[in-house]
Amino acid sequence: MRADRLLALLMVLRHRDRVTARELAADLEVSERTVLRDIEALGAAGVPVYSERGRAGGFSLLPGWSTDLSGLSGDEARALLIAGSSAVAGLGIGAAFSSGLAKVLSSLPQEGRRAAAEGAARILVLDVGWFGNSQQTPGLGALQQAVTGGRRLTFTYSSGTLAERRDHGPRPATTRTVDPAGLVSAAGVWYLLALHRGERRIYRVDRIEEIKPTGEPLRTTVDPAELTTWWAESRARFIERIAEYQVELEVRDPQDGRLVAGLRSAVRVLEQLPAAADDGSLRFRATFAAIEHAIATLWPLADRVVVLAPDSVRAAFRGRAAAVLAAQH
């Protein structure tokens, strides 16, 4: 739409001292002739755009001219407000995020600010469920500072999460000194991407303790553009390495879309099977990493999901149910 293009053009002019028609055309992905027509339209609308000829010439806004226009749509403003989630607070940048967000949103008209705030208030981004089962990442802020500050750090790394160590006791731990490269949040779990002795490693943040910044600059650096590929390749190798364990199950309530979506995100593969009866139920073949993974994932859903096969999982469920009943007498 032309209105969007004019807005983009105005934003470019606001943030650059002088820009040529060729540069504007490349930025906006239009022809130079279209750029000239759009600049003429801005001038007709009262925006003081002036041009200078010559090798160093180009288009500029009149010095000192400003506008309250932020370029934010209502949906974009709501998205920014919703983004102020627990993940931002966990990184230790909550105050800076809130301050910056307030400055951005202050440029919206009053009615726009109110509508955005009311819309965002209806979207809850929480870090805890019914029983406070959020991932515990107390060192996330320190890790973020090391990543953005380009400093080495030392920490102890355990084979179990904080919750597992609390429930089952201490696990073997080792001390690592690394060059942090980045942080990744995947399905609610934080990971540190770092180089240990020059080799790329990925660490679960909830297994990291006793973080000690060394104050030393990084010995090895990684281009930020490589982090996405690093993560994707590491995840693919992990999936290829782990075993596969298939379970056939039935979801009794076909309207429970959240349950199916949760299963799909928790398993390697979720394949829908033909229905055995015309009762509206849904049948799936789910691929897990191992039987332990299958039991841990499906047991909390036992009142909504029926395991059809294999017998090993069904037997494990019957054993757990019997133990629960016995404990109540």
Protein backbone atom coordinates (compact mmCIF):
# COMPACT_ATOMS: atom_id res chain seq x y z
CA MET A 1 0.00 0.00 0.00
CA ARG A 2 1.21 3.49 -0.78
CA ALA A 3 0.42 4.76 2.73
CA ASP A 4 2.74 2.16 4.22
CA ARG A 5 5.46 3.07 1.72
CA LEU A 6 5.13 6.78 2.48
CA LEU A 7 5.42 6.01 6.18
CA ALA A 8 8.52 3.89 5.58
CA LEU A 9 10.01 6.68 3.48
CA LEU A 10 9.37 9.21 6.24
CA MET A 11 10.98 6.96 8.84
CA VAL A 12 14.11 6.57 6.67
CA LEU A 13 14.37 10.33 6.23
CA ARG A 14 13.96 10.88 9.98
CA HIS A 15 16.88 8.61 10.84
CA ARG A 16 19.35 9.48 8.07
CA ASP A 17 20.87 12.91 7.48
CA ARG A 18 20.85 12.72 3.70
CA VAL A 19 19.89 9.93 1.31
CA THR A 20 19.83 9.67 -2.47
CA ALA A 21 16.89 8.59 -4.60
CA ARG A 22 18.84 5.46 -5.59
CA GLU A 23 19.41 4.53 -1.94
CA LEU A 24 15.76 5.13 -1.10
CA ALA A 25 14.67 3.03 -4.05
CA ALA A 26 16.87 0.16 -2.85
CA ASP A 27 15.61 0.46 0.74
CA LEU A 28 11.95 0.55 -0.27
CA GLU A 29 12.31 -1.89 -3.20
CA VAL A 30 10.69 0.46 -5.70
CA SER A 31 11.90 2.47 -8.70
CA GLU A 32 13.59 5.86 -8.41
CA ARG A 33 10.64 7.39 -10.27
CA THR A 34 8.30 6.05 -7.56
CA VAL A 35 10.55 7.53 -4.88
CA LEU A 36 10.40 10.97 -6.53
CA ARG A 37 6.60 10.80 -6.70
CA ASP A 38 6.40 9.77 -3.02
CA ILE A 39 8.69 12.62 -1.94
CA GLU A 40 6.48 15.03 -3.86
CA ALA A 41 3.46 13.57 -2.01
CA LEU A 42 5.14 14.10 1.35
CA GLY A 43 5.87 17.70 0.45
CA ALA A 44 2.25 18.24 -0.53
CA ALA A 45 1.22 16.83 2.86
CA GLY A 46 3.34 19.45 4.65
CA VAL A 47 6.46 17.37 5.34
CA PRO A 48 9.49 19.68 4.78
CA VAL A 49 11.64 17.52 2.47
CA TYR A 50 14.34 19.39 0.57
CA SER A 51 16.94 18.22 -1.94
CA GLU A 52 20.55 19.12 -2.69
CA ARG A 53 22.20 18.49 -6.03
CA GLY A 54 25.74 17.35 -6.62
CA ARG A 55 27.96 14.41 -5.69
CA ALA A 56 27.11 14.70 -1.97
CA GLY A 57 23.50 15.64 -2.57
CA GLY A 58 20.29 13.86 -1.73
CA PHE A 59 17.06 14.31 0.18
CA SER A 60 16.79 15.46 3.80
CA LEU A 61 14.21 16.69 6.26
CA LEU A 62 14.39 20.29 7.40
CA PRO A 63 16.72 20.40 10.46
CA GLY A 64 14.78 20.59 13.70
CA TRP A 65 11.55 19.31 12.18
CA SER A 66 9.93 16.44 14.07
CA THR A 67 6.68 14.57 14.20
CA ASP A 68 4.87 12.51 16.82
CA LEU A 69 4.35 9.76 14.29
CA SER A 70 6.03 6.58 15.53
CA GLY A 71 5.10 4.35 12.64
CA LEU A 72 3.52 1.83 15.03
CA SER A 73 0.21 0.27 14.09
CA GLY A 74 -2.20 -0.83 16.82
CA ASP A 75 -1.20 -4.47 16.32
CA GLU A 76 2.52 -3.59 16.48
CA ALA A 77 2.05 -1.62 19.70
CA ARG A 78 0.17 -4.53 21.29
CA ALA A 79 2.92 -6.91 20.20
CA LEU A 80 5.55 -4.76 21.92
CA LEU A 81 3.54 -4.67 25.13
CA ILE A 82 2.97 -8.43 25.11
CA ALA A 83 6.68 -8.98 24.51
CA GLY A 84 7.41 -7.71 28.02
CA SER A 85 7.29 -11.30 29.25
CA SER A 86 9.07 -13.27 31.94
CA ALA A 87 11.80 -14.08 29.42
CA VAL A 88 12.73 -10.38 29.26
CA ALA A 89 12.80 -10.15 33.05
CA GLY A 90 14.88 -13.31 33.28
CA LEU A 91 17.55 -11.78 31.07
CA GLY A 92 17.97 -8.95 33.56
CA ILE A 93 16.91 -6.25 31.07
CA GLY A 94 13.36 -5.73 32.31
CA ALA A 95 13.95 -2.14 33.46
CA ALA A 96 15.68 -1.11 30.23
CA PHE A 97 12.96 -2.82 28.18
CA SER A 98 10.19 -1.03 30.07
CA SER A 99 11.90 2.35 29.78
CA GLY A 100 12.53 1.97 26.06
CA LEU A 101 9.03 0.68 25.44
CA ALA A 102 7.52 3.67 27.26
CA LYS A 103 9.47 6.07 25.05
CA VAL A 104 8.34 4.32 21.89
CA LEU A 105 4.69 4.12 22.89
CA SER A 106 4.63 7.72 24.11
CA SER A 107 4.71 8.84 20.48
CA LEU A 108 1.34 7.18 19.86
CA PRO A 109 -1.82 9.25 20.17
CA GLN A 110 -3.46 8.92 23.57
CA GLU A 111 -6.35 6.85 22.21
CA GLY A 112 -3.88 4.53 20.45
CA ARG A 113 -1.88 4.02 23.64
CA ARG A 114 -5.01 3.16 25.61
CA ALA A 115 -6.27 0.70 22.98
CA ALA A 116 -2.88 -1.01 22.76
CA ALA A 117 -2.58 -1.33 26.53
CA GLU A 118 -6.10 -2.71 26.91
CA GLY A 119 -5.53 -5.25 24.14
CA ALA A 120 -2.19 -6.38 25.55
CA ALA A 121 -3.71 -6.77 29.03
CA ARG A 122 -5.86 -9.57 27.62
CA ILE A 123 -2.80 -11.60 26.57
CA LEU A 124 -1.05 -13.20 29.55
CA VAL A 125 2.55 -14.39 29.24
CA LEU A 126 3.29 -16.24 32.48
CA ASP A 127 6.28 -18.22 33.67
CA VAL A 128 4.38 -20.50 36.06
CA GLY A 129 1.57 -23.01 35.75
CA TRP A 130 -0.84 -24.34 38.36
CA PHE A 131 1.93 -25.66 40.59
CA GLY A 132 4.74 -23.20 39.95
CA ASN A 133 6.51 -25.51 37.53
CA SER A 134 8.52 -22.83 35.77
CA GLN A 135 12.07 -23.42 34.63
CA GLN A 136 14.46 -22.08 37.25
CA THR A 137 17.18 -19.98 35.63
CA PRO A 138 18.65 -17.72 38.33
CA GLY A 139 21.89 -17.19 36.40
CA LEU A 140 20.29 -16.07 33.16
CA GLY A 141 21.00 -12.38 33.77
CA ALA A 142 24.70 -13.03 34.40
CA LEU A 143 24.93 -15.15 31.27
CA GLN A 144 23.24 -12.45 29.22
CA GLN A 145 25.76 -9.86 30.46
CA ALA A 146 28.64 -12.15 29.52
CA VAL A 147 27.19 -12.78 26.06
CA THR A 148 26.53 -9.12 25.25
CA GLY A 149 29.65 -7.89 27.00
CA GLY A 150 32.00 -10.32 25.25
CA ARG A 151 33.62 -11.68 28.42
CA ARG A 152 34.69 -15.19 29.40
CA LEU A 153 33.10 -16.87 32.40
CA THR A 154 33.46 -19.93 34.59
CA PHE A 155 30.62 -22.09 35.94
CA THR A 156 29.82 -25.55 37.22
CA TYR A 157 27.65 -27.73 35.01
CA SER A 158 25.56 -30.62 36.30
CA SER A 159 24.04 -33.58 34.47
CA GLY A 160 20.66 -32.79 36.08
CA THR A 161 18.43 -29.73 36.23
CA LEU A 162 17.88 -27.75 39.42
CA ALA A 163 14.54 -29.50 39.96
CA GLU A 164 16.08 -32.95 39.43
CA ARG A 165 18.89 -32.21 41.86
CA ARG A 166 16.37 -30.97 44.42
CA ASP A 167 14.25 -34.10 44.10
CA HIS A 168 16.95 -36.74 43.68
CA GLY A 169 20.05 -35.29 45.25
CA PRO A 170 23.38 -34.00 43.86
CA ARG A 171 24.51 -35.06 40.39
CA PRO A 172 28.06 -35.13 38.99
CA ALA A 173 29.21 -31.63 38.07
CA THR A 174 32.21 -30.26 36.22
CA THR A 175 33.77 -26.80 36.03
CA ARG A 176 33.90 -25.10 32.64
CA THR A 177 35.52 -21.88 31.46
CA VAL A 178 33.94 -20.82 28.20
CA ASP A 179 33.65 -18.10 25.60
CA PRO A 180 29.88 -17.34 25.53
CA ALA A 181 28.48 -16.76 22.06
CA GLY A 182 24.70 -16.58 22.45
CA LEU A 183 21.51 -17.56 24.27
CA VAL A 184 18.58 -19.50 22.84
CA SER A 185 15.10 -19.96 24.30
CA ALA A 186 13.50 -23.06 22.78
CA ALA A 187 10.08 -24.28 23.96
CA GLY A 188 10.51 -22.37 27.22
CA VAL A 189 13.98 -23.76 27.97
CA TRP A 190 17.07 -21.56 27.85
CA TYR A 191 20.38 -22.73 26.38
CA LEU A 192 23.83 -21.14 26.34
CA LEU A 193 25.86 -21.42 23.15
CA ALA A 194 29.54 -21.21 24.00
CA LEU A 195 33.00 -22.38 23.00
CA HIS A 196 34.86 -24.63 25.43
CA ARG A 197 38.51 -25.13 24.54
CA GLY A 198 37.71 -23.93 21.05
CA GLU A 199 34.88 -26.42 20.47
CA ARG A 200 31.24 -25.41 20.13
CA ARG A 201 29.03 -26.56 22.99
CA ILE A 202 25.41 -26.06 24.08
CA TYR A 203 24.52 -25.94 27.80
CA ARG A 204 21.08 -25.98 29.43
CA VAL A 205 20.93 -22.85 31.57
CA ASP A 206 19.02 -24.60 34.38
CA ARG A 207 22.02 -26.94 34.81
CA ILE A 208 24.48 -24.06 35.24
CA GLU A 209 25.51 -22.93 38.73
CA GLU A 210 28.23 -20.89 40.47
CA ILE A 211 28.68 -18.47 37.57
CA LYS A 212 31.86 -16.44 37.91
CA PRO A 213 32.71 -13.78 35.32
CA THR A 214 36.47 -13.79 34.68
CA GLY A 215 36.65 -10.25 33.29
CA GLU A 216 38.77 -11.60 30.43
CA PRO A 217 37.88 -10.81 26.82
CA LEU A 218 36.79 -13.66 24.57
CA ARG A 219 39.58 -15.77 23.12
CA THR A 220 37.33 -17.05 20.31
CA THR A 221 34.36 -15.24 18.81
CA VAL A 222 31.44 -16.37 16.68
CA ASP A 223 29.59 -14.25 14.12
CA PRO A 224 26.00 -13.74 15.36
CA ALA A 225 24.78 -14.74 11.91
CA GLU A 226 26.15 -18.25 12.54
CA LEU A 227 24.14 -18.88 15.73
CA THR A 228 20.94 -20.00 14.00
CA THR A 229 22.84 -22.53 11.88
CA TRP A 230 24.84 -23.69 14.91
CA TRP A 231 21.65 -24.34 16.87
CA ALA A 232 19.86 -26.07 13.98
CA GLU A 233 22.78 -28.37 13.19
CA SER A 234 23.31 -29.29 16.85
CA ARG A 235 19.62 -30.08 17.30
CA ALA A 236 19.57 -32.20 14.13
CA ARG A 237 22.60 -34.22 15.31
CA PHE A 238 20.96 -34.79 18.70
CA ILE A 239 17.73 -36.03 17.12
CA GLU A 240 19.64 -38.42 14.87
CA ARG A 241 21.62 -39.76 17.83
CA ILE A 242 18.78 -40.58 20.20
CA ALA A 243 16.73 -43.76 19.95
CA GLU A 244 13.14 -43.87 18.77
CA TYR A 245 10.22 -45.25 20.77
CA GLN A 246 6.75 -45.31 19.27
CA VAL A 247 3.47 -45.19 21.18
CA GLU A 248 -0.05 -45.44 19.80
CA LEU A 249 -2.52 -43.33 21.70
CA GLU A 250 -6.04 -41.99 21.55
CA VAL A 251 -7.29 -38.53 22.38
CA ARG A 252 -10.90 -38.85 23.48
CA ASP A 253 -11.86 -35.18 23.03
CA PRO A 254 -11.19 -34.11 19.40
CA GLN A 255 -11.95 -30.48 20.36
CA ASP A 256 -8.98 -30.37 22.75
CA GLY A 257 -6.72 -28.56 20.31
CA ARG A 258 -4.31 -27.40 23.02
CA LEU A 259 -3.67 -30.99 24.07
CA VAL A 260 -2.85 -32.08 20.54
CA ALA A 261 -0.63 -29.02 20.01
CA GLY A 262 1.17 -29.76 23.28
CA LEU A 263 1.79 -33.35 22.24
CA ARG A 264 3.08 -32.24 18.87
CA SER A 265 5.65 -29.97 20.50
CA ALA A 266 6.73 -32.60 23.06
CA VAL A 267 7.40 -35.53 20.73
CA ARG A 268 9.67 -36.05 17.76
CA VAL A 269 6.87 -37.04 15.38
CA LEU A 270 3.08 -37.09 15.85
CA GLU A 271 1.29 -38.94 13.06
CA GLN A 272 -2.51 -39.15 12.95
CA LEU A 273 -3.95 -42.64 12.35
CA PRO A 274 -7.33 -43.66 10.92
CA ALA A 275 -10.11 -43.66 13.52
CA ALA A 276 -11.05 -47.10 14.84
CA ALA A 277 -14.65 -46.08 15.54
CA ASP A 278 -17.01 -43.30 14.58
CA ASP A 279 -17.00 -41.76 18.05
CA GLY A 280 -15.07 -38.60 17.24
CA SER A 281 -11.87 -39.70 18.98
CA LEU A 282 -8.45 -39.10 17.44
CA ARG A 283 -5.70 -41.71 17.21
CA PHE A 284 -2.01 -40.93 16.82
CA ARG A 285 1.37 -42.63 16.58
CA ALA A 286 3.82 -40.62 18.69
CA THR A 287 7.59 -41.04 18.41
CA PHE A 288 9.54 -40.43 21.64
CA ALA A 289 13.23 -40.54 22.43
CA ALA A 290 12.83 -43.49 24.82
CA ILE A 291 10.24 -45.25 26.98
CA GLU A 292 11.15 -42.98 29.89
CA HIS A 293 10.42 -39.96 27.71
CA ALA A 294 7.06 -41.45 26.71
CA ILE A 295 6.00 -42.21 30.29
CA ALA A 296 7.09 -38.82 31.62
CA THR A 297 5.20 -37.01 28.86
CA LEU A 298 1.99 -39.06 28.84
CA TRP A 299 1.45 -39.83 32.54
CA PRO A 300 0.28 -36.27 33.41
CA LEU A 301 -2.23 -36.60 30.53
CA ALA A 302 -3.55 -40.01 31.57
CA ASP A 303 -7.06 -38.67 32.20
CA ARG A 304 -7.31 -37.35 28.63
CA VAL A 305 -5.09 -39.69 26.60
CA VAL A 306 -5.46 -43.48 26.36
CA VAL A 307 -2.32 -45.48 25.54
CA LEU A 308 -3.19 -48.24 23.08
CA ALA A 309 0.27 -49.70 22.59
CA PRO A 310 2.88 -50.87 23.48
CA ASP A 311 2.08 -52.97 26.53
CA SER A 312 5.23 -51.77 28.32
CA VAL A 313 3.81 -48.23 28.64
CA ARG A 314 0.35 -49.51 29.57
CA ALA A 315 1.91 -51.70 32.27
CA ALA A 316 3.91 -48.78 33.62
CA PHE A 317 0.72 -46.69 33.84
CA ARG A 318 -1.16 -49.48 35.63
CA GLY A 319 1.70 -49.80 38.11
CA ARG A 320 1.71 -46.09 38.82
CA ALA A 321 -2.08 -46.01 39.19
CA ALA A 322 -1.99 -48.94 41.61
CA ALA A 323 0.69 -47.21 43.67
CA VAL A 324 -1.41 -44.04 43.83
CA LEU A 325 -4.48 -46.00 44.98
CA ALA A 326 -2.49 -47.92 47.56
CA ALA A 327 -1.10 -44.70 48.98
CA GLN A 328 -4.65 -43.40 49.59
CA HIS A 329 -5.61 -46.30 51.94
